[in-house]
Amino acid sequence: MTTSTLRRFAFALLAIAVLAVDASAAETLFARSAVERHWIGFQEYWGGAFKSQSAITMIVIGVGLLSMFIITRAKWRK
């Protein structure tokens, strides 16, 4: 990856984090925005997924496979 790609990725992660903080703020007198409704739905879905043991097992296996892929792909550059 190039430096500009990494910077774009970091900026995207920062933007998501900033938007997530605003979307999870306490409810006001106004109706919820689409971003807030989406964030709440996202939290409910993944909260339910992490309560299941089989889902946690699949997530751990997926992260492990991704980690092994990254480790094996980076070794040839050394």
PDB file of N, CA and C in Angstrom:
ATOM      1  N   MET A   1       0.836  -1.183   0.000  1.00  0.00           N
ATOM      2  CA  MET A   1       0.000   0.000   0.000  1.00  0.00           C
ATOM      3  C   MET A   1       0.881   1.248   0.000  1.00  0.00           C
ATOM      4  N   THR A   2       0.388   2.232  -0.683  1.00  0.00           N
ATOM      5  CA  THR A   2       1.136   3.477  -0.709  1.00  0.00           C
ATOM      6  C   THR A   2       0.736   4.354   0.467  1.00  0.00           C
ATOM      7  N   THR A   3       1.498   5.394   0.683  1.00  0.00           N
ATOM      8  CA  THR A   3       1.231   6.305   1.801  1.00  0.00           C
ATOM      9  C   THR A   3      -0.106   7.002   1.618  1.00  0.00           C
ATOM     10  N   SER A   4      -0.422   7.403   0.383  1.00  0.00           N
ATOM     11  CA  SER A   4      -1.695   8.096   0.158  1.00  0.00           C
ATOM     12  C   SER A   4      -2.881   7.172   0.423  1.00  0.00           C
ATOM     13  N   THR A   5      -2.737   5.898   0.097  1.00  0.00           N
ATOM     14  CA  THR A   5      -3.811   4.942   0.367  1.00  0.00           C
ATOM     15  C   THR A   5      -4.004   4.776   1.868  1.00  0.00           C
ATOM     16  N   LEU A   6      -2.905   4.695   2.600  1.00  0.00           N
ATOM     17  CA  LEU A   6      -3.002   4.567   4.048  1.00  0.00           C
ATOM     18  C   LEU A   6      -3.619   5.817   4.673  1.00  0.00           C
ATOM     19  N   ARG A   7      -3.271   6.980   4.145  1.00  0.00           N
ATOM     20  CA  ARG A   7      -3.847   8.224   4.663  1.00  0.00           C
ATOM     21  C   ARG A   7      -5.341   8.285   4.393  1.00  0.00           C
ATOM     22  N   ARG A   8      -5.752   7.865   3.200  1.00  0.00           N
ATOM     23  CA  ARG A   8      -7.187   7.837   2.886  1.00  0.00           C
ATOM     24  C   ARG A   8      -7.926   6.876   3.812  1.00  0.00           C
ATOM     25  N   PHE A   9      -7.342   5.717   4.049  1.00  0.00           N
ATOM     26  CA  PHE A   9      -7.953   4.733   4.930  1.00  0.00           C
ATOM     27  C   PHE A   9      -8.073   5.275   6.347  1.00  0.00           C
ATOM     28  N   ALA A  10      -7.010   5.923   6.834  1.00  0.00           N
ATOM     29  CA  ALA A  10      -7.039   6.503   8.177  1.00  0.00           C
ATOM     30  C   ALA A  10      -8.087   7.609   8.261  1.00  0.00           C
ATOM     31  N   PHE A  11      -8.185   8.431   7.225  1.00  0.00           N
ATOM     32  CA  PHE A  11      -9.195   9.496   7.208  1.00  0.00           C
ATOM     33  C   PHE A  11     -10.599   8.902   7.225  1.00  0.00           C
ATOM     34  N   ALA A  12     -10.818   7.828   6.465  1.00  0.00           N
ATOM     35  CA  ALA A  12     -12.131   7.187   6.446  1.00  0.00           C
ATOM     36  C   ALA A  12     -12.484   6.628   7.824  1.00  0.00           C
ATOM     37  N   LEU A  13     -11.528   6.003   8.492  1.00  0.00           N
ATOM     38  CA  LEU A  13     -11.779   5.475   9.831  1.00  0.00           C
ATOM     39  C   LEU A  13     -12.091   6.597  10.817  1.00  0.00           C
ATOM     40  N   LEU A  14     -11.365   7.699  10.708  1.00  0.00           N
ATOM     41  CA  LEU A  14     -11.609   8.838  11.577  1.00  0.00           C
ATOM     42  C   LEU A  14     -12.997   9.426  11.331  1.00  0.00           C
ATOM     43  N   ALA A  15     -13.369   9.546  10.070  1.00  0.00           N
ATOM     44  CA  ALA A  15     -14.686  10.083   9.733  1.00  0.00           C
ATOM     45  C   ALA A  15     -15.798   9.184  10.275  1.00  0.00           C
ATOM     46  N   ILE A  16     -15.623   7.878  10.167  1.00  0.00           N
ATOM     47  CA  ILE A  16     -16.622   6.943  10.692  1.00  0.00           C
ATOM     48  C   ILE A  16     -16.721   7.080  12.209  1.00  0.00           C
ATOM     49  N   ALA A  17     -15.587   7.205  12.871  1.00  0.00           N
ATOM     50  CA  ALA A  17     -15.598   7.334  14.330  1.00  0.00           C
ATOM     51  C   ALA A  17     -16.299   8.623  14.753  1.00  0.00           C
ATOM     52  N   VAL A  18     -16.047   9.704  14.046  1.00  0.00           N
ATOM     53  CA  VAL A  18     -16.681  10.981  14.386  1.00  0.00           C
ATOM     54  C   VAL A  18     -18.186  10.912  14.160  1.00  0.00           C
ATOM     55  N   LEU A  19     -18.590  10.333  13.039  1.00  0.00           N
ATOM     56  CA  LEU A  19     -20.020  10.213  12.760  1.00  0.00           C
ATOM     57  C   LEU A  19     -20.703   9.280  13.756  1.00  0.00           C
ATOM     58  N   ALA A  20     -20.013   8.241  14.175  1.00  0.00           N
ATOM     59  CA  ALA A  20     -20.592   7.292  15.117  1.00  0.00           C
ATOM     60  C   ALA A  20     -20.834   7.943  16.467  1.00  0.00           C
ATOM     61  N   VAL A  21     -19.935   8.802  16.888  1.00  0.00           N
ATOM     62  CA  VAL A  21     -20.111   9.493  18.168  1.00  0.00           C
ATOM     63  C   VAL A  21     -21.334  10.394  18.108  1.00  0.00           C
ATOM     64  N   ASP A  22     -21.502  11.120  17.000  1.00  0.00           N
ATOM     65  CA  ASP A  22     -22.664  11.988  16.858  1.00  0.00           C
ATOM     66  C   ASP A  22     -23.957  11.182  16.789  1.00  0.00           C
ATOM     67  N   ALA A  23     -23.924  10.035  16.130  1.00  0.00           N
ATOM     68  CA  ALA A  23     -25.130   9.238  15.957  1.00  0.00           C
ATOM     69  C   ALA A  23     -25.557   8.564  17.256  1.00  0.00           C
ATOM     70  N   SER A  24     -24.648   8.319  18.155  1.00  0.00           N
ATOM     71  CA  SER A  24     -24.998   7.644  19.394  1.00  0.00           C
ATOM     72  C   SER A  24     -25.302   8.629  20.526  1.00  0.00           C
ATOM     73  N   ALA A  25     -25.362   9.910  20.203  1.00  0.00           N
ATOM     74  CA  ALA A  25     -25.646  10.922  21.224  1.00  0.00           C
ATOM     75  C   ALA A  25     -27.057  10.735  21.777  1.00  0.00           C
ATOM     76  N   ALA A  26     -27.296  11.338  22.931  1.00  0.00           N
ATOM     77  CA  ALA A  26     -28.604  11.212  23.582  1.00  0.00           C
ATOM     78  C   ALA A  26     -29.700  11.782  22.687  1.00  0.00           C
ATOM     79  N   GLU A  27     -30.872  11.198  22.813  1.00  0.00           N
ATOM     80  CA  GLU A  27     -32.001  11.615  21.994  1.00  0.00           C
ATOM     81  C   GLU A  27     -32.428  13.036  22.355  1.00  0.00           C
ATOM     82  N   THR A  28     -32.753  13.809  21.353  1.00  0.00           N
ATOM     83  CA  THR A  28     -33.200  15.176  21.576  1.00  0.00           C
ATOM     84  C   THR A  28     -34.688  15.272  21.319  1.00  0.00           C
ATOM     85  N   LEU A  29     -35.210  16.485  21.321  1.00  0.00           N
ATOM     86  CA  LEU A  29     -36.623  16.690  21.048  1.00  0.00           C
ATOM     87  C   LEU A  29     -36.962  16.451  19.582  1.00  0.00           C
ATOM     88  N   PHE A  30     -35.962  16.497  18.744  1.00  0.00           N
ATOM     89  CA  PHE A  30     -36.189  16.310  17.317  1.00  0.00           C
ATOM     90  C   PHE A  30     -36.230  14.831  16.970  1.00  0.00           C
ATOM     91  N   ALA A  31     -36.797  14.524  15.808  1.00  0.00           N
ATOM     92  CA  ALA A  31     -36.854  13.134  15.345  1.00  0.00           C
ATOM     93  C   ALA A  31     -35.445  12.658  15.026  1.00  0.00           C
ATOM     94  N   ARG A  32     -35.235  11.380  15.132  1.00  0.00           N
ATOM     95  CA  ARG A  32     -33.915  10.811  14.850  1.00  0.00           C
ATOM     96  C   ARG A  32     -33.594  10.941  13.367  1.00  0.00           C
ATOM     97  N   SER A  33     -32.342  11.202  13.106  1.00  0.00           N
ATOM     98  CA  SER A  33     -31.905  11.291  11.712  1.00  0.00           C
ATOM     99  C   SER A  33     -31.686   9.879  11.162  1.00  0.00           C
ATOM    100  N   ALA A  34     -31.496   9.813   9.863  1.00  0.00           N
ATOM    101  CA  ALA A  34     -31.262   8.522   9.219  1.00  0.00           C
ATOM    102  C   ALA A  34     -29.966   7.894   9.725  1.00  0.00           C
ATOM    103  N   VAL A  35     -28.959   8.722   9.990  1.00  0.00           N
ATOM    104  CA  VAL A  35     -27.680   8.198  10.487  1.00  0.00           C
ATOM    105  C   VAL A  35     -27.871   7.575  11.863  1.00  0.00           C
ATOM    106  N   GLU A  36     -28.642   8.226  12.721  1.00  0.00           N
ATOM    107  CA  GLU A  36     -28.888   7.681  14.056  1.00  0.00           C
ATOM    108  C   GLU A  36     -29.649   6.364  13.985  1.00  0.00           C
ATOM    109  N   ARG A  37     -30.661   6.302  13.139  1.00  0.00           N
ATOM    110  CA  ARG A  37     -31.432   5.059  13.002  1.00  0.00           C
ATOM    111  C   ARG A  37     -30.539   3.941  12.475  1.00  0.00           C
ATOM    112  N   HIS A  38     -29.680   4.269  11.523  1.00  0.00           N
ATOM    113  CA  HIS A  38     -28.772   3.263  10.971  1.00  0.00           C
ATOM    114  C   HIS A  38     -27.799   2.771  12.046  1.00  0.00           C
ATOM    115  N   TRP A  39     -27.236   3.690  12.824  1.00  0.00           N
ATOM    116  CA  TRP A  39     -26.275   3.326  13.864  1.00  0.00           C
ATOM    117  C   TRP A  39     -26.927   2.442  14.919  1.00  0.00           C
ATOM    118  N   ILE A  40     -28.140   2.770  15.325  1.00  0.00           N
ATOM    119  CA  ILE A  40     -28.841   1.968  16.332  1.00  0.00           C
ATOM    120  C   ILE A  40     -29.121   0.568  15.789  1.00  0.00           C
ATOM    121  N   GLY A  41     -29.545   0.493  14.527  1.00  0.00           N
ATOM    122  CA  GLY A  41     -29.763  -0.815  13.905  1.00  0.00           C
ATOM    123  C   GLY A  41     -28.476  -1.619  13.809  1.00  0.00           C
ATOM    124  N   PHE A  42     -27.384  -0.943  13.485  1.00  0.00           N
ATOM    125  CA  PHE A  42     -26.075  -1.591  13.405  1.00  0.00           C
ATOM    126  C   PHE A  42     -25.685  -2.170  14.753  1.00  0.00           C
ATOM    127  N   GLN A  43     -25.871  -1.387  15.823  1.00  0.00           N
ATOM    128  CA  GLN A  43     -25.524  -1.855  17.165  1.00  0.00           C
ATOM    129  C   GLN A  43     -26.404  -3.035  17.582  1.00  0.00           C
ATOM    130  N   GLU A  44     -27.682  -2.972  17.286  1.00  0.00           N
ATOM    131  CA  GLU A  44     -28.580  -4.071  17.659  1.00  0.00           C
ATOM    132  C   GLU A  44     -28.218  -5.350  16.922  1.00  0.00           C
ATOM    133  N   TYR A  45     -27.918  -5.238  15.627  1.00  0.00           N
ATOM    134  CA  TYR A  45     -27.585  -6.423  14.832  1.00  0.00           C
ATOM    135  C   TYR A  45     -26.307  -7.095  15.346  1.00  0.00           C
ATOM    136  N   TRP A  46     -25.228  -6.309  15.472  1.00  0.00           N
ATOM    137  CA  TRP A  46     -23.960  -6.895  15.887  1.00  0.00           C
ATOM    138  C   TRP A  46     -23.965  -7.268  17.360  1.00  0.00           C
ATOM    139  N   GLY A  47     -24.760  -6.567  18.167  1.00  0.00           N
ATOM    140  CA  GLY A  47     -24.903  -6.961  19.571  1.00  0.00           C
ATOM    141  C   GLY A  47     -25.529  -8.339  19.685  1.00  0.00           C
ATOM    142  N   GLY A  48     -26.539  -8.583  18.851  1.00  0.00           N
ATOM    143  CA  GLY A  48     -27.174  -9.906  18.829  1.00  0.00           C
ATOM    144  C   GLY A  48     -26.241 -10.971  18.266  1.00  0.00           C
ATOM    145  N   ALA A  49     -25.442 -10.594  17.275  1.00  0.00           N
ATOM    146  CA  ALA A  49     -24.524 -11.558  16.665  1.00  0.00           C
ATOM    147  C   ALA A  49     -23.446 -12.002  17.652  1.00  0.00           C
ATOM    148  N   PHE A  50     -22.958 -11.066  18.469  1.00  0.00           N
ATOM    149  CA  PHE A  50     -21.906 -11.416  19.423  1.00  0.00           C
ATOM    150  C   PHE A  50     -22.428 -12.197  20.616  1.00  0.00           C
ATOM    151  N   LYS A  51     -23.727 -12.265  20.790  1.00  0.00           N
ATOM    152  CA  LYS A  51     -24.287 -13.060  21.883  1.00  0.00           C
ATOM    153  C   LYS A  51     -24.322 -14.540  21.533  1.00  0.00           C
ATOM    154  N   SER A  52     -24.174 -14.858  20.270  1.00  0.00           N
ATOM    155  CA  SER A  52     -24.209 -16.242  19.817  1.00  0.00           C
ATOM    156  C   SER A  52     -22.795 -16.819  19.793  1.00  0.00           C
ATOM    157  N   GLN A  53     -22.638 -17.994  20.383  1.00  0.00           N
ATOM    158  CA  GLN A  53     -21.308 -18.609  20.456  1.00  0.00           C
ATOM    159  C   GLN A  53     -20.802 -18.986  19.070  1.00  0.00           C
ATOM    160  N   SER A  54     -21.677 -19.464  18.198  1.00  0.00           N
ATOM    161  CA  SER A  54     -21.234 -19.854  16.859  1.00  0.00           C
ATOM    162  C   SER A  54     -20.778 -18.635  16.062  1.00  0.00           C
ATOM    163  N   ALA A  55     -21.432 -17.502  16.262  1.00  0.00           N
ATOM    164  CA  ALA A  55     -21.023 -16.283  15.556  1.00  0.00           C
ATOM    165  C   ALA A  55     -19.651 -15.829  16.035  1.00  0.00           C
ATOM    166  N   ILE A  56     -19.420 -15.903  17.319  1.00  0.00           N
ATOM    167  CA  ILE A  56     -18.115 -15.508  17.861  1.00  0.00           C
ATOM    168  C   ILE A  56     -17.028 -16.428  17.315  1.00  0.00           C
ATOM    169  N   THR A  57     -17.322 -17.712  17.226  1.00  0.00           N
ATOM    170  CA  THR A  57     -16.358 -18.667  16.681  1.00  0.00           C
ATOM    171  C   THR A  57     -16.022 -18.326  15.238  1.00  0.00           C
ATOM    172  N   MET A  58     -17.024 -18.014  14.431  1.00  0.00           N
ATOM    173  CA  MET A  58     -16.788 -17.672  13.033  1.00  0.00           C
ATOM    174  C   MET A  58     -16.007 -16.365  12.912  1.00  0.00           C
ATOM    175  N   ILE A  59     -16.275 -15.401  13.773  1.00  0.00           N
ATOM    176  CA  ILE A  59     -15.548 -14.129  13.742  1.00  0.00           C
ATOM    177  C   ILE A  59     -14.085 -14.358  14.091  1.00  0.00           C
ATOM    178  N   VAL A  60     -13.822 -15.175  15.109  1.00  0.00           N
ATOM    179  CA  VAL A  60     -12.442 -15.467  15.513  1.00  0.00           C
ATOM    180  C   VAL A  60     -11.703 -16.195  14.387  1.00  0.00           C
ATOM    181  N   ILE A  61     -12.358 -17.152  13.757  1.00  0.00           N
ATOM    182  CA  ILE A  61     -11.731 -17.868  12.643  1.00  0.00           C
ATOM    183  C   ILE A  61     -11.455 -16.905  11.490  1.00  0.00           C
ATOM    184  N   GLY A  62     -12.402 -16.027  11.194  1.00  0.00           N
ATOM    185  CA  GLY A  62     -12.223 -15.054  10.115  1.00  0.00           C
ATOM    186  C   GLY A  62     -11.071 -14.100  10.385  1.00  0.00           C
ATOM    187  N   VAL A  63     -10.987 -13.593  11.618  1.00  0.00           N
ATOM    188  CA  VAL A  63      -9.881 -12.696  11.977  1.00  0.00           C
ATOM    189  C   VAL A  63      -8.553 -13.449  11.913  1.00  0.00           C
ATOM    190  N   GLY A  64      -8.547 -14.690  12.352  1.00  0.00           N
ATOM    191  CA  GLY A  64      -7.326 -15.497  12.279  1.00  0.00           C
ATOM    192  C   GLY A  64      -6.881 -15.725  10.847  1.00  0.00           C
ATOM    193  N   LEU A  65      -7.826 -16.040   9.959  1.00  0.00           N
ATOM    194  CA  LEU A  65      -7.484 -16.234   8.550  1.00  0.00           C
ATOM    195  C   LEU A  65      -6.970 -14.947   7.918  1.00  0.00           C
ATOM    196  N   LEU A  66      -7.613 -13.849   8.226  1.00  0.00           N
ATOM    197  CA  LEU A  66      -7.164 -12.557   7.709  1.00  0.00           C
ATOM    198  C   LEU A  66      -5.761 -12.231   8.220  1.00  0.00           C
ATOM    199  N   SER A  67      -5.509 -12.509   9.493  1.00  0.00           N
ATOM    200  CA  SER A  67      -4.188 -12.259  10.070  1.00  0.00           C
ATOM    201  C   SER A  67      -3.121 -13.118   9.397  1.00  0.00           C
ATOM    202  N   MET A  68      -3.424 -14.383   9.189  1.00  0.00           N
ATOM    203  CA  MET A  68      -2.463 -15.269   8.529  1.00  0.00           C
ATOM    204  C   MET A  68      -2.196 -14.811   7.101  1.00  0.00           C
ATOM    205  N   PHE A  69      -3.223 -14.357   6.412  1.00  0.00           N
ATOM    206  CA  PHE A  69      -3.047 -13.857   5.047  1.00  0.00           C
ATOM    207  C   PHE A  69      -2.125 -12.643   5.037  1.00  0.00           C
ATOM    208  N   ILE A  70      -2.363 -11.711   5.957  1.00  0.00           N
ATOM    209  CA  ILE A  70      -1.541 -10.502   6.019  1.00  0.00           C
ATOM    210  C   ILE A  70      -0.095 -10.851   6.372  1.00  0.00           C
ATOM    211  N   ILE A  71       0.091 -11.738   7.324  1.00  0.00           N
ATOM    212  CA  ILE A  71       1.445 -12.122   7.741  1.00  0.00           C
ATOM    213  C   ILE A  71       2.199 -12.805   6.606  1.00  0.00           C
ATOM    214  N   THR A  72       1.546 -13.723   5.915  1.00  0.00           N
ATOM    215  CA  THR A  72       2.242 -14.462   4.844  1.00  0.00           C
ATOM    216  C   THR A  72       2.491 -13.573   3.636  1.00  0.00           C
ATOM    217  N   ARG A  73       1.644 -12.614   3.352  1.00  0.00           N
ATOM    218  CA  ARG A  73       1.851 -11.733   2.210  1.00  0.00           C
ATOM    219  C   ARG A  73       2.958 -10.720   2.489  1.00  0.00           C
ATOM    220  N   ALA A  74       3.190 -10.352   3.716  1.00  0.00           N
ATOM    221  CA  ALA A  74       4.176  -9.330   4.044  1.00  0.00           C
ATOM    222  C   ALA A  74       5.590  -9.907   4.133  1.00  0.00           C
ATOM    223  N   LYS A  75       5.731 -11.208   4.335  1.00  0.00           N
ATOM    224  CA  LYS A  75       7.059 -11.790   4.525  1.00  0.00           C
ATOM    225  C   LYS A  75       7.914 -11.707   3.259  1.00  0.00           C
ATOM    226  N   TRP A  76       7.339 -11.770   2.108  1.00  0.00           N
ATOM    227  CA  TRP A  76       8.140 -11.750   0.885  1.00  0.00           C
ATOM    228  C   TRP A  76       8.781 -10.385   0.623  1.00  0.00           C
ATOM    229  N   ARG A  77       8.279  -9.343   1.245  1.00  0.00           N
ATOM    230  CA  ARG A  77       8.831  -8.005   1.024  1.00  0.00           C
ATOM    231  C   ARG A  77      10.096  -7.762   1.839  1.00  0.00           C
ATOM    232  N   LYS A  78      10.369  -8.579   2.813  1.00  0.00           N
ATOM    233  CA  LYS A  78      11.550  -8.368   3.682  1.00  0.00           C
ATOM    234  C   LYS A  78      12.819  -8.824   3.022  1.00  0.00           C
TER     235      LYS A  78
END
